[in-house]
Protein backbone atom coordinates (compact mmCIF):
# COMPACT_ATOMS: atom_id res chain seq x y z
CA UNK A 1 107.77 120.75 104.94
CA UNK A 2 104.55 120.41 106.93
CA UNK A 3 101.48 119.08 105.10
CA UNK A 4 98.33 119.37 107.25
CA UNK A 5 95.47 116.87 107.18
CA UNK A 6 92.50 118.84 108.53
CA UNK A 7 89.97 116.49 110.15
CA UNK A 8 88.77 118.49 113.19
CA UNK A 9 89.56 116.38 116.27
CA UNK A 10 91.35 113.80 114.09
CA UNK A 11 93.64 116.30 112.37
CA UNK A 12 97.17 115.17 111.66
CA UNK A 13 100.36 116.85 110.44
CA UNK A 14 102.61 115.13 107.93
CA UNK A 15 106.28 116.07 108.16
CA UNK A 16 108.12 115.62 104.84
CA UNK A 17 111.77 116.36 105.46
CA UNK A 18 115.09 114.69 104.79
CA UNK A 19 116.64 113.56 108.07
CA UNK A 20 113.44 113.94 110.13
CA UNK A 21 113.75 110.44 111.62
CA UNK A 22 116.80 111.67 113.55
CA UNK A 23 114.65 114.55 114.82
CA UNK A 24 111.75 112.39 116.04
CA UNK A 25 112.36 113.34 119.68
CA UNK A 26 111.67 116.97 118.75
CA UNK A 27 108.80 116.29 116.36
CA UNK A 28 106.86 113.66 118.35
CA UNK A 29 105.81 113.27 122.00
CA UNK A 30 108.07 110.40 123.02
CA UNK A 31 108.30 111.24 126.73
CA UNK A 32 106.24 108.16 127.62
CA UNK A 33 106.15 104.42 126.90
CA UNK A 34 106.40 103.78 123.17
CA UNK A 35 105.70 100.44 121.47
CA UNK A 36 107.87 100.47 118.34
CA UNK A 37 106.61 98.05 115.69
CA UNK A 38 108.88 97.17 112.79
CA UNK A 39 109.73 94.12 110.65
CA UNK A 40 112.74 92.05 109.66
CA UNK A 41 113.03 93.78 106.28
CA UNK A 42 113.59 97.21 107.84
CA UNK A 43 117.22 98.21 108.49
CA UNK A 44 117.71 97.76 112.25
CA UNK A 45 119.23 101.22 112.54
CA UNK A 46 115.87 102.91 111.88
CA UNK A 47 113.92 101.55 114.90
CA UNK A 48 117.08 101.88 117.02
CA UNK A 49 117.32 105.55 116.06
CA UNK A 50 113.73 106.09 117.19
CA UNK A 51 114.19 104.07 120.39
CA UNK A 52 117.18 106.21 121.40
CA UNK A 53 114.90 109.26 121.39
CA UNK A 54 112.17 107.72 123.59
CA UNK A 55 111.87 108.03 127.35
CA UNK A 56 110.99 104.32 127.47
CA UNK A 57 110.48 101.97 124.53
CA UNK A 58 109.61 98.38 123.70
CA UNK A 59 110.43 97.15 120.19
CA UNK A 60 108.55 94.30 118.48
CA UNK A 61 109.99 93.05 115.19
CA UNK A 62 107.50 91.14 113.03
CA UNK A 63 108.46 88.82 110.17
CA UNK A 64 108.61 90.68 106.87
CA UNK A 65 105.69 90.22 104.49
CA UNK A 66 101.92 90.33 104.12
CA UNK A 67 101.46 87.14 106.18
CA UNK A 68 102.28 89.17 109.32
CA UNK A 69 99.02 91.10 108.94
CA UNK A 70 97.35 88.37 110.98
CA UNK A 71 95.23 87.98 114.08
CA UNK A 72 98.20 86.26 115.78
CA UNK A 73 100.50 89.26 115.35
CA UNK A 74 97.72 91.71 116.20
CA UNK A 75 97.15 89.89 119.50
CA UNK A 76 100.91 89.69 120.07
CA UNK A 77 101.10 93.50 120.06
CA UNK A 78 98.12 93.86 122.40
CA UNK A 79 99.50 91.29 124.85
CA UNK A 80 102.93 92.95 124.79
CA UNK A 81 101.43 96.34 125.66
CA UNK A 82 99.36 94.77 128.42
CA UNK A 83 102.33 92.91 129.93
CA UNK A 84 104.49 96.06 129.80
CA UNK A 85 101.87 98.10 131.62
CA UNK A 86 100.95 100.46 128.79
CA UNK A 87 98.25 102.98 129.70
CA UNK A 88 95.97 105.21 127.64
CA UNK A 89 98.64 107.91 127.87
CA UNK A 90 101.24 105.81 126.07
CA UNK A 91 101.62 105.32 122.32
CA UNK A 92 102.53 103.09 119.40
CA UNK A 93 104.93 103.97 116.58
CA UNK A 94 105.32 102.02 113.34
CA UNK A 95 108.68 102.09 111.57
CA UNK A 96 108.71 100.44 108.15
CA UNK A 97 106.34 99.82 105.29
CA UNK A 98 102.61 99.33 105.00
CA UNK A 99 102.47 96.05 106.94
CA UNK A 100 103.80 97.27 110.30
CA UNK A 101 101.81 100.47 109.84
CA UNK A 102 98.58 98.53 109.31
CA UNK A 103 99.06 96.10 112.20
CA UNK A 104 100.45 98.66 114.65
CA UNK A 105 97.77 101.17 113.74
CA UNK A 106 95.00 98.64 114.29
CA UNK A 107 96.49 97.55 117.63
CA UNK A 108 96.68 101.19 118.77
CA UNK A 109 93.06 101.71 117.68
CA UNK A 110 91.90 98.80 119.84
CA UNK A 111 94.12 98.92 122.93
CA UNK A 112 92.11 100.53 125.75
CA UNK A 113 89.68 101.80 123.06
CA UNK A 114 92.42 103.76 121.34
CA UNK A 115 95.84 105.23 122.14
CA UNK A 116 98.09 107.58 120.21
CA UNK A 117 99.75 106.30 117.05
CA UNK A 118 102.70 107.65 115.06
CA UNK A 119 103.55 106.40 111.59
CA UNK A 120 107.13 106.58 110.31
CA UNK A 121 107.10 104.97 106.84
CA UNK A 122 110.46 103.93 105.42
CA UNK A 123 109.28 102.49 102.08
CA UNK A 124 108.15 104.55 99.12
CA UNK A 125 104.84 102.67 98.97
CA UNK A 126 104.00 103.68 102.53
CA UNK A 127 105.32 107.23 102.14
CA UNK A 128 103.13 108.08 99.16
CA UNK A 129 99.98 106.32 100.32
CA UNK A 130 99.32 103.90 103.17
CA UNK A 131 100.87 105.93 106.02
CA UNK A 132 98.35 108.75 105.52
CA UNK A 133 94.59 108.62 105.97
CA UNK A 134 94.06 106.45 109.05
CA UNK A 135 93.17 103.12 107.45
CA UNK A 136 94.43 100.28 109.65
CA UNK A 137 93.73 96.60 109.14
CA UNK A 138 94.74 92.96 109.21
CA UNK A 139 93.90 90.12 106.82
CA UNK A 140 91.70 87.11 107.52
CA UNK A 141 91.57 83.78 105.67
CA UNK A 142 93.54 85.21 102.75
CA UNK A 143 91.27 88.24 102.31
CA UNK A 144 93.13 91.55 102.57
CA UNK A 145 92.20 94.20 105.11
CA UNK A 146 88.86 92.64 106.02
CA UNK A 147 89.26 93.47 109.74
CA UNK A 148 90.25 96.99 110.65
CA UNK A 149 89.42 100.48 111.86
CA UNK A 150 89.88 104.11 110.94
CA UNK A 151 92.46 105.48 113.40
CA UNK A 152 94.32 108.62 112.41
CA UNK A 153 97.96 108.90 113.48
CA UNK A 154 98.87 111.89 115.64
CA UNK A 155 101.68 112.69 113.23
CA UNK A 156 103.43 111.09 110.25
CA UNK A 157 107.18 111.48 109.71
CA UNK A 158 108.31 110.97 106.12
CA UNK A 159 112.07 110.93 105.68
CA UNK A 160 113.09 110.42 102.02
CA UNK A 161 116.63 109.58 103.21
CA UNK A 162 115.32 106.19 104.40
CA UNK A 163 114.64 105.26 100.77
CA UNK A 164 118.38 104.94 100.15
CA UNK A 165 118.28 101.38 101.52
CA UNK A 166 115.40 100.22 99.30
CA UNK A 167 116.07 97.60 96.61
CA UNK A 168 115.01 98.45 93.04
CA UNK A 169 111.89 96.31 93.21
CA UNK A 170 110.61 98.21 96.24
CA UNK A 171 111.18 101.53 94.47
CA UNK A 172 109.00 100.32 91.61
CA UNK A 173 106.47 98.92 94.08
CA UNK A 174 106.00 102.34 95.67
CA UNK A 175 105.98 104.30 92.44
CA UNK A 176 102.94 102.29 91.31
CA UNK A 177 100.80 103.99 93.97
CA UNK A 178 102.16 107.42 93.00
CA UNK A 179 101.27 106.68 89.36
CA UNK A 180 97.76 105.76 90.53
CA UNK A 181 97.36 109.16 92.22
CA UNK A 182 98.58 111.00 89.14
CA UNK A 183 96.35 109.05 86.75
CA UNK A 184 93.25 109.94 88.75
CA UNK A 185 94.01 113.52 89.82
CA UNK A 186 97.22 115.00 88.38
CA UNK A 187 97.88 114.98 84.62
CA UNK A 188 101.00 117.12 85.07
CA UNK A 189 102.29 114.71 87.69
CA UNK A 190 101.72 111.78 85.32
CA UNK A 191 103.79 113.50 82.63
CA UNK A 192 106.61 113.68 85.20
CA UNK A 193 106.77 109.88 85.05
CA UNK A 194 106.76 109.94 81.25
CA UNK A 195 109.51 112.52 80.69
CA UNK A 196 111.87 112.23 83.68
CA UNK A 197 113.68 109.76 85.93
CA UNK A 198 111.28 109.53 88.89
CA UNK A 199 114.09 108.78 91.33
CA UNK A 200 115.61 112.18 90.61
CA UNK A 201 112.30 113.82 91.53
CA UNK A 202 111.24 111.57 94.39
CA UNK A 203 110.58 114.31 96.96
CA UNK A 204 108.33 116.14 94.49
CA UNK A 205 106.54 112.88 93.63
CA UNK A 206 105.94 112.14 97.32
CA UNK A 207 104.67 115.67 97.95
CA UNK A 208 102.29 115.62 94.98
CA UNK A 209 100.88 112.24 96.06
CA UNK A 210 100.45 113.41 99.67
CA UNK A 211 98.65 116.60 98.68
CA UNK A 212 96.22 114.55 96.59
CA UNK A 213 95.71 112.05 99.41
CA UNK A 214 95.12 114.70 102.07
CA UNK A 215 92.71 116.65 99.86
CA UNK A 216 90.64 113.54 99.22
CA UNK A 217 90.67 112.30 102.84
CA UNK A 218 89.66 115.72 104.14
CA UNK A 219 86.52 115.48 102.04
CA UNK A 220 85.77 111.81 102.78
CA UNK A 221 87.61 110.43 105.81
CA UNK A 222 85.53 107.25 106.16
CA UNK A 223 85.63 106.10 102.52
CA UNK A 224 81.97 106.72 101.73
CA UNK A 225 82.38 108.58 98.44
CA UNK A 226 85.33 110.45 96.90
CA UNK A 227 87.95 108.44 98.81
CA UNK A 228 86.87 105.33 96.93
CA UNK A 229 88.65 106.78 93.89
CA UNK A 230 91.95 106.10 95.66
CA UNK A 231 91.12 102.41 95.25
CA UNK A 232 91.76 102.70 91.51
CA UNK A 233 93.54 99.50 90.49
CA UNK A 234 92.81 97.83 93.81
CA UNK A 235 89.61 95.95 92.98
CA UNK A 236 91.44 93.61 90.60
CA UNK A 237 94.81 94.27 92.26
CA UNK A 238 93.68 92.84 95.61
CA UNK A 239 92.26 89.81 93.80
CA UNK A 240 95.60 89.19 92.10
CA UNK A 241 97.49 89.81 95.34
CA UNK A 242 95.39 87.31 97.27
CA UNK A 243 96.67 84.45 95.12
CA UNK A 244 99.53 82.76 96.89
CA UNK A 245 102.35 81.29 94.91
CA UNK A 246 106.09 80.86 94.67
CA UNK A 247 106.45 84.06 92.64
CA UNK A 248 104.01 86.16 94.64
CA UNK A 249 103.72 89.75 93.47
CA UNK A 250 104.10 92.80 95.69
CA UNK A 251 101.18 95.11 96.43
CA UNK A 252 102.25 97.87 94.03
CA UNK A 253 102.86 95.34 91.28
CA UNK A 254 99.32 94.03 91.71
CA UNK A 255 97.90 97.56 91.69
CA UNK A 256 99.81 98.24 88.45
CA UNK A 257 98.16 95.21 86.84
CA UNK A 258 94.79 96.11 88.36
CA UNK A 259 94.84 99.58 86.80
CA UNK A 260 95.31 98.48 83.20
CA UNK A 261 91.88 96.86 82.60
CA UNK A 262 90.11 99.83 84.19
CA UNK A 263 91.55 102.44 81.78
CA UNK A 264 90.31 103.71 78.44
CA UNK A 265 92.32 102.41 75.50
CA UNK A 266 94.41 105.56 74.94
CA UNK A 267 95.16 105.89 78.66
CA UNK A 268 96.05 102.20 78.86
CA UNK A 269 98.78 102.54 76.23
CA UNK A 270 100.39 105.50 78.00
CA UNK A 271 100.08 103.73 81.34
CA UNK A 272 101.61 100.54 79.98
CA UNK A 273 104.63 102.50 78.72
CA UNK A 274 105.13 104.13 82.13
CA UNK A 275 104.79 100.83 83.99
CA UNK A 276 107.37 99.22 81.72
CA UNK A 277 109.70 102.18 82.27
CA UNK A 278 109.36 101.73 86.03
CA UNK A 279 110.01 97.98 85.89
CA UNK A 280 106.44 97.07 86.82
CA UNK A 281 104.54 94.12 85.31
CA UNK A 282 102.14 94.63 82.40
CA UNK A 283 101.20 90.98 81.74
CA UNK A 284 99.17 88.77 84.06
CA UNK A 285 98.47 85.05 83.91
CA UNK A 286 96.44 84.77 87.15
CA UNK A 287 93.30 82.77 86.31
CA UNK A 288 90.27 85.03 86.00
CA UNK A 289 88.15 82.60 88.02
CA UNK A 290 90.47 82.85 91.03
CA UNK A 291 90.73 86.64 90.81
CA UNK A 292 86.94 86.91 90.64
CA UNK A 293 86.49 84.71 93.73
CA UNK A 294 88.60 87.17 95.72
CA UNK A 295 86.70 90.11 94.22
CA UNK A 296 83.46 88.81 95.76
CA UNK A 297 84.92 89.77 99.17
CA UNK A 298 85.66 93.33 98.07
CA UNK A 299 84.48 95.83 100.72
CA UNK A 300 82.86 97.91 97.95
CA UNK A 301 80.65 94.98 96.88
CA UNK A 302 76.94 95.60 97.41
CA UNK A 303 73.92 93.78 96.02
CA UNK A 304 76.07 91.69 93.70
CA UNK A 305 77.89 94.68 92.15
CA UNK A 306 81.01 96.65 92.98
CA UNK A 307 81.80 100.37 92.81
CA UNK A 308 84.63 100.23 90.28
CA UNK A 309 86.97 103.14 89.50
CA UNK A 310 87.58 103.91 85.82
CA UNK A 311 90.07 106.27 84.17
CA UNK A 312 89.06 107.45 80.70
CA UNK A 313 91.31 110.51 80.62
CA UNK A 314 94.57 111.13 82.48
CA UNK A 315 94.02 113.37 85.49
CA UNK A 316 90.41 112.31 85.99
CA UNK A 317 88.50 109.27 87.17
CA UNK A 318 84.92 108.16 87.81
CA UNK A 319 83.04 105.62 89.87
CA UNK A 320 80.82 103.14 88.05
CA UNK A 321 78.77 100.30 89.48
CA UNK A 322 79.82 97.12 87.68
CA UNK A 323 78.86 93.49 87.96
CA UNK A 324 81.68 90.95 88.39
CA UNK A 325 81.17 89.56 84.88
CA UNK A 326 81.81 93.02 83.40
CA UNK A 327 85.06 93.32 85.33
CA UNK A 328 86.00 89.78 84.31
CA UNK A 329 85.50 90.71 80.64
CA UNK A 330 87.79 93.73 81.01
CA UNK A 331 90.40 91.57 82.76
CA UNK A 332 90.47 88.90 80.04
CA UNK A 333 90.45 91.50 77.26
CA UNK A 334 93.51 93.22 78.76
CA UNK A 335 95.32 90.00 79.69
CA UNK A 336 94.48 87.46 76.94
CA UNK A 337 97.30 85.27 78.28
CA UNK A 338 95.34 84.62 81.50
CA UNK A 339 93.28 81.48 81.90
CA UNK A 340 89.54 82.02 82.16
């Protein structure tokens, strides 16, 4: 299945097909130097499979986790390309989840003012969301995605067969982003989560999420209007995610929590039931004061207010300018167990 993302000179095809990783040599232009970026949590067979199909490849394996979205690892990739003699005709390919995709994409955007980038997501979270749309970034001083660039991949390969190696928690982590898409744009898709086993319908869930994502990005590539709706759950979610701790939550888990306060009451109850069914958290004890401090760095913050995304009815959403104290009140009302 080929899902086009029509952006004029930045257009990109998304290949959604079981087994397409093994066909990368046919589907991508790998007859050149390829920097393959992966991480220690990705089964080693996946980057090896890609490397075997390249004319010449260099593989860099980053430590698993959000901490690798750093200036140190960004510079590591740039220095490796420089030392290996990469030119503007060569390319970068990410194999793994959102972290290697973000770092590799940003490095490809910056090296020699931009070289080709391929994204091959192997986690559900990346397949339904972060691999598509051209957002690349690293973190700085604990603030997520504060340094980055828009750099569309030349092509995205999504192979649902790679999900067979995911642990249960990572399945749930990815499904949170698919639930977000459905809540905002696809009432029928949301009912799929309510009445079926999502794992049995994973290809359909991925396709529905991708068609939403491409439709939105085609209308607003640079996140100036409609695309902001895809940040539903992220304003509070990023604040929760920025809090380090022994039991640190995954990105999708934080988005799940971040969605609940931004829903109407009836929607919130249906959402809570779906999140519980998927094994995602519905209670949060993160102190409101700490979450709000992180919120002040939100990229949507302007003149002391933030463009928040609200869902009052399943299948629709709206943008509303809100002051931090209004968001704080919603947070504490939804999570009374949290400290102020």
